[in-house]
Amino acid sequence: MENKDWKGNTQAVMKNIGANNHCEHDYEKYAYYATEPKAVKLLFELEQFDDNIWECAAGELHLSKEMQRLGKTVRSSDIIVRCDGVEELDFLFEVCHEWKF
């Protein structure tokens, strides 16, 4: 697989950080990248959310647990179940199927 940046150069900046579309090797189909739970706290300081939240890429519940700690009711799902408490669900399939995209 040969990836190119916008100039056609195969040595794009994103290649150095291993971004999926800019590196020479293929990633596993369901690669897992956990988000630091502190991101939820910072987001909640800037935005207001309903009490019910659907975390559709729950991974190992890092963000879900932080949202619960902050008083939210959280539905946690992911395309692959990596721990107890996560519902196996392909969010994109469900949304596209329900909304008829």
N, C-alpha and C. Protein backbone atom coordinates (compact mmCIF):
# COMPACT_ATOMS: atom_id res chain seq x y z
N MET A 1 0.85 -1.18 0.00
CA MET A 1 0.00 0.00 0.00
C MET A 1 0.89 1.24 0.00
N GLU A 2 0.66 2.13 -0.96
CA GLU A 2 1.45 3.36 -1.02
C GLU A 2 0.54 4.54 -0.73
N ASN A 3 0.75 5.20 0.39
CA ASN A 3 -0.03 6.38 0.75
C ASN A 3 0.73 7.62 0.37
N LYS A 4 0.01 8.63 -0.07
CA LYS A 4 0.64 9.88 -0.48
C LYS A 4 -0.03 11.05 0.22
N ASP A 5 0.76 12.10 0.47
CA ASP A 5 0.16 13.31 1.01
C ASP A 5 -0.43 14.11 -0.14
N TRP A 6 -0.91 15.30 0.12
CA TRP A 6 -1.59 16.10 -0.89
C TRP A 6 -0.72 16.47 -2.08
N LYS A 7 0.59 16.42 -1.95
CA LYS A 7 1.50 16.71 -3.06
C LYS A 7 1.92 15.44 -3.81
N GLY A 8 1.48 14.30 -3.33
CA GLY A 8 1.90 13.06 -3.95
C GLY A 8 3.16 12.49 -3.32
N ASN A 9 3.64 13.14 -2.27
CA ASN A 9 4.85 12.70 -1.57
C ASN A 9 4.49 11.57 -0.60
N THR A 10 5.26 10.52 -0.59
CA THR A 10 4.99 9.42 0.34
C THR A 10 5.61 9.66 1.72
N GLN A 11 6.27 10.77 1.93
CA GLN A 11 6.92 11.06 3.21
C GLN A 11 6.18 12.17 3.96
N ALA A 12 4.87 12.03 4.10
CA ALA A 12 4.04 13.03 4.76
C ALA A 12 4.35 13.13 6.25
N VAL A 13 4.06 14.27 6.83
CA VAL A 13 4.26 14.48 8.26
C VAL A 13 3.47 13.47 9.07
N MET A 14 2.24 13.19 8.68
CA MET A 14 1.39 12.26 9.43
C MET A 14 1.99 10.86 9.49
N LYS A 15 2.79 10.51 8.54
CA LYS A 15 3.43 9.19 8.54
C LYS A 15 4.26 9.00 9.81
N ASN A 16 4.90 10.05 10.25
CA ASN A 16 5.77 9.96 11.42
C ASN A 16 5.03 9.64 12.71
N ILE A 17 3.77 10.05 12.80
CA ILE A 17 3.02 9.74 14.02
C ILE A 17 2.19 8.48 13.86
N GLY A 18 2.28 7.84 12.70
CA GLY A 18 1.58 6.56 12.51
C GLY A 18 0.10 6.68 12.26
N ALA A 19 -0.35 7.83 11.77
CA ALA A 19 -1.77 7.99 11.48
C ALA A 19 -2.20 6.96 10.44
N ASN A 20 -3.37 6.43 10.61
CA ASN A 20 -3.84 5.29 9.82
C ASN A 20 -3.73 5.48 8.32
N ASN A 21 -4.09 6.63 7.80
CA ASN A 21 -4.10 6.85 6.35
C ASN A 21 -2.75 7.30 5.80
N HIS A 22 -1.75 7.42 6.65
CA HIS A 22 -0.48 7.98 6.20
C HIS A 22 0.74 7.15 6.59
N CYS A 23 0.58 5.88 6.74
CA CYS A 23 1.72 5.06 7.08
C CYS A 23 1.82 3.90 6.09
N GLU A 24 2.95 3.28 6.06
CA GLU A 24 3.22 2.24 5.07
C GLU A 24 2.57 0.91 5.40
N HIS A 25 2.26 0.65 6.66
CA HIS A 25 1.68 -0.65 7.02
C HIS A 25 0.20 -0.51 7.34
N ASP A 26 -0.53 -1.61 7.21
CA ASP A 26 -1.95 -1.63 7.53
C ASP A 26 -2.12 -1.86 9.03
N TYR A 27 -3.15 -1.25 9.58
CA TYR A 27 -3.49 -1.44 10.98
C TYR A 27 -4.53 -2.55 11.09
N GLU A 28 -4.65 -3.10 12.29
CA GLU A 28 -5.69 -4.10 12.48
C GLU A 28 -7.04 -3.46 12.24
N LYS A 29 -8.01 -4.24 11.86
CA LYS A 29 -9.31 -3.73 11.46
C LYS A 29 -9.96 -2.88 12.54
N TYR A 30 -9.90 -3.31 13.78
CA TYR A 30 -10.52 -2.58 14.87
C TYR A 30 -9.45 -2.09 15.85
N ALA A 31 -8.58 -1.24 15.38
CA ALA A 31 -7.52 -0.70 16.22
C ALA A 31 -8.14 0.02 17.42
N TYR A 32 -7.45 0.01 18.54
CA TYR A 32 -7.96 0.54 19.80
C TYR A 32 -7.08 1.68 20.29
N TYR A 33 -7.67 2.85 20.45
CA TYR A 33 -6.95 4.02 20.95
C TYR A 33 -7.73 4.60 22.11
N ALA A 34 -7.28 4.40 23.32
CA ALA A 34 -7.98 4.91 24.50
C ALA A 34 -7.76 6.41 24.64
N THR A 35 -8.79 7.11 25.09
CA THR A 35 -8.73 8.55 25.33
C THR A 35 -8.54 8.79 26.82
N GLU A 36 -7.68 9.71 27.16
CA GLU A 36 -7.44 10.08 28.55
C GLU A 36 -8.74 10.60 29.16
N PRO A 37 -9.21 10.03 30.28
CA PRO A 37 -10.46 10.46 30.91
C PRO A 37 -10.51 11.95 31.25
N LYS A 38 -9.37 12.57 31.44
CA LYS A 38 -9.33 14.01 31.73
C LYS A 38 -10.02 14.80 30.62
N ALA A 39 -10.06 14.25 29.41
CA ALA A 39 -10.70 14.93 28.29
C ALA A 39 -12.18 15.17 28.57
N VAL A 40 -12.83 14.23 29.25
CA VAL A 40 -14.25 14.38 29.58
C VAL A 40 -14.44 15.56 30.53
N LYS A 41 -13.63 15.63 31.55
CA LYS A 41 -13.74 16.73 32.52
C LYS A 41 -13.55 18.07 31.81
N LEU A 42 -12.56 18.16 30.94
CA LEU A 42 -12.31 19.41 30.23
C LEU A 42 -13.46 19.75 29.28
N LEU A 43 -14.00 18.74 28.60
CA LEU A 43 -15.13 18.97 27.71
C LEU A 43 -16.35 19.44 28.49
N PHE A 44 -16.62 18.82 29.63
CA PHE A 44 -17.78 19.20 30.44
C PHE A 44 -17.64 20.60 31.02
N GLU A 45 -16.44 21.08 31.16
CA GLU A 45 -16.24 22.46 31.62
C GLU A 45 -16.62 23.47 30.54
N LEU A 46 -16.59 23.03 29.27
CA LEU A 46 -16.89 23.92 28.14
C LEU A 46 -18.29 23.77 27.58
N GLU A 47 -18.87 22.60 27.70
CA GLU A 47 -20.16 22.28 27.08
C GLU A 47 -21.14 21.72 28.09
N GLN A 48 -22.43 21.88 27.80
CA GLN A 48 -23.49 21.31 28.62
C GLN A 48 -24.06 20.09 27.90
N PHE A 49 -24.35 19.03 28.65
CA PHE A 49 -24.88 17.79 28.08
C PHE A 49 -26.09 17.32 28.88
N ASP A 50 -26.97 16.58 28.19
CA ASP A 50 -28.09 15.94 28.88
C ASP A 50 -27.54 14.97 29.92
N ASP A 51 -28.42 14.52 30.80
CA ASP A 51 -27.99 13.57 31.83
C ASP A 51 -27.74 12.17 31.27
N ASN A 52 -28.34 11.85 30.11
CA ASN A 52 -28.16 10.55 29.47
C ASN A 52 -27.22 10.69 28.28
N ILE A 53 -26.14 9.92 28.31
CA ILE A 53 -25.12 9.98 27.26
C ILE A 53 -24.86 8.59 26.72
N TRP A 54 -24.71 8.49 25.42
CA TRP A 54 -24.33 7.22 24.78
C TRP A 54 -22.87 7.32 24.38
N GLU A 55 -22.02 6.58 25.03
CA GLU A 55 -20.60 6.47 24.67
C GLU A 55 -20.50 5.30 23.71
N CYS A 56 -20.42 5.60 22.41
CA CYS A 56 -20.54 4.57 21.37
C CYS A 56 -19.21 3.92 21.01
N ALA A 57 -18.14 4.39 21.58
CA ALA A 57 -16.82 3.79 21.36
C ALA A 57 -16.17 3.61 22.73
N ALA A 58 -16.82 2.82 23.58
CA ALA A 58 -16.51 2.78 25.01
C ALA A 58 -15.19 2.11 25.37
N GLY A 59 -14.66 1.28 24.48
CA GLY A 59 -13.38 0.63 24.78
C GLY A 59 -13.41 -0.10 26.11
N GLU A 60 -12.60 0.36 27.05
CA GLU A 60 -12.55 -0.26 28.38
C GLU A 60 -13.20 0.64 29.44
N LEU A 61 -14.14 1.46 29.01
CA LEU A 61 -14.99 2.29 29.88
C LEU A 61 -14.27 3.46 30.54
N HIS A 62 -13.11 3.86 30.04
CA HIS A 62 -12.40 4.97 30.66
C HIS A 62 -13.24 6.25 30.67
N LEU A 63 -13.81 6.61 29.53
CA LEU A 63 -14.62 7.83 29.47
C LEU A 63 -15.98 7.63 30.13
N SER A 64 -16.57 6.47 29.95
CA SER A 64 -17.87 6.20 30.56
C SER A 64 -17.81 6.34 32.07
N LYS A 65 -16.79 5.79 32.69
CA LYS A 65 -16.66 5.87 34.15
C LYS A 65 -16.48 7.31 34.60
N GLU A 66 -15.74 8.10 33.84
CA GLU A 66 -15.56 9.51 34.20
C GLU A 66 -16.88 10.27 34.07
N MET A 67 -17.65 9.98 33.01
CA MET A 67 -18.95 10.63 32.86
C MET A 67 -19.89 10.25 33.99
N GLN A 68 -19.86 8.99 34.40
CA GLN A 68 -20.68 8.55 35.53
C GLN A 68 -20.25 9.25 36.81
N ARG A 69 -18.96 9.38 36.99
CA ARG A 69 -18.44 10.07 38.17
C ARG A 69 -18.93 11.52 38.21
N LEU A 70 -19.14 12.09 37.02
CA LEU A 70 -19.62 13.47 36.92
C LEU A 70 -21.15 13.56 36.91
N GLY A 71 -21.82 12.44 37.23
CA GLY A 71 -23.26 12.45 37.43
C GLY A 71 -24.12 12.09 36.23
N LYS A 72 -23.53 11.61 35.18
CA LYS A 72 -24.29 11.25 33.98
C LYS A 72 -24.68 9.78 34.00
N THR A 73 -25.79 9.45 33.33
CA THR A 73 -26.19 8.07 33.08
C THR A 73 -25.63 7.72 31.71
N VAL A 74 -24.83 6.67 31.62
CA VAL A 74 -24.09 6.39 30.39
C VAL A 74 -24.43 5.02 29.83
N ARG A 75 -24.79 4.99 28.55
CA ARG A 75 -24.91 3.74 27.79
C ARG A 75 -23.56 3.55 27.12
N SER A 76 -22.93 2.42 27.36
CA SER A 76 -21.59 2.16 26.84
C SER A 76 -21.64 1.02 25.83
N SER A 77 -21.24 1.31 24.60
CA SER A 77 -21.20 0.28 23.57
C SER A 77 -19.92 0.43 22.77
N ASP A 78 -19.58 -0.64 22.04
CA ASP A 78 -18.42 -0.62 21.15
C ASP A 78 -18.59 -1.75 20.15
N ILE A 79 -17.89 -1.66 19.05
CA ILE A 79 -17.98 -2.68 18.02
C ILE A 79 -17.36 -4.00 18.49
N ILE A 80 -16.45 -3.91 19.45
CA ILE A 80 -15.83 -5.08 20.08
C ILE A 80 -15.92 -4.91 21.59
N VAL A 81 -16.33 -5.95 22.29
CA VAL A 81 -16.40 -5.89 23.76
C VAL A 81 -15.03 -6.21 24.32
N ARG A 82 -14.46 -5.26 25.04
CA ARG A 82 -13.14 -5.44 25.64
C ARG A 82 -13.20 -5.61 27.15
N CYS A 83 -14.38 -5.40 27.75
CA CYS A 83 -14.53 -5.58 29.19
C CYS A 83 -16.01 -5.67 29.53
N ASP A 84 -16.31 -6.11 30.75
CA ASP A 84 -17.69 -6.18 31.22
C ASP A 84 -18.28 -4.77 31.26
N GLY A 85 -19.57 -4.67 30.98
CA GLY A 85 -20.24 -3.39 31.03
C GLY A 85 -20.35 -2.69 29.69
N VAL A 86 -19.81 -3.32 28.63
CA VAL A 86 -19.87 -2.74 27.29
C VAL A 86 -20.79 -3.59 26.43
N GLU A 87 -21.75 -2.93 25.80
CA GLU A 87 -22.69 -3.59 24.89
C GLU A 87 -22.03 -3.71 23.51
N GLU A 88 -22.07 -4.90 22.91
CA GLU A 88 -21.50 -5.08 21.57
C GLU A 88 -22.46 -4.49 20.54
N LEU A 89 -22.01 -3.44 19.86
CA LEU A 89 -22.87 -2.75 18.92
C LEU A 89 -22.02 -1.94 17.94
N ASP A 90 -22.33 -2.04 16.67
CA ASP A 90 -21.68 -1.23 15.64
C ASP A 90 -22.49 0.06 15.50
N PHE A 91 -22.03 1.11 16.13
CA PHE A 91 -22.74 2.38 16.18
C PHE A 91 -23.07 2.90 14.78
N LEU A 92 -22.10 2.88 13.88
CA LEU A 92 -22.33 3.41 12.54
C LEU A 92 -23.40 2.62 11.80
N PHE A 93 -23.39 1.30 11.94
CA PHE A 93 -24.43 0.49 11.30
C PHE A 93 -25.80 0.84 11.87
N GLU A 94 -25.88 0.93 13.21
CA GLU A 94 -27.16 1.22 13.85
C GLU A 94 -27.70 2.58 13.42
N VAL A 95 -26.86 3.60 13.40
CA VAL A 95 -27.30 4.94 13.04
C VAL A 95 -27.70 4.99 11.58
N CYS A 96 -26.89 4.45 10.69
CA CYS A 96 -27.20 4.47 9.26
C CYS A 96 -28.46 3.65 8.96
N HIS A 97 -28.63 2.53 9.65
CA HIS A 97 -29.80 1.68 9.42
C HIS A 97 -31.07 2.39 9.91
N GLU A 98 -31.00 2.95 11.09
CA GLU A 98 -32.17 3.62 11.68
C GLU A 98 -32.55 4.88 10.89
N TRP A 99 -31.55 5.65 10.46
CA TRP A 99 -31.82 6.90 9.76
C TRP A 99 -31.89 6.74 8.25
N LYS A 100 -31.72 5.51 7.77
CA LYS A 100 -31.84 5.17 6.34
C LYS A 100 -30.86 5.94 5.45
N PHE A 101 -29.61 6.02 5.87
CA PHE A 101 -28.57 6.64 5.03
C PHE A 101 -28.16 5.68 3.95
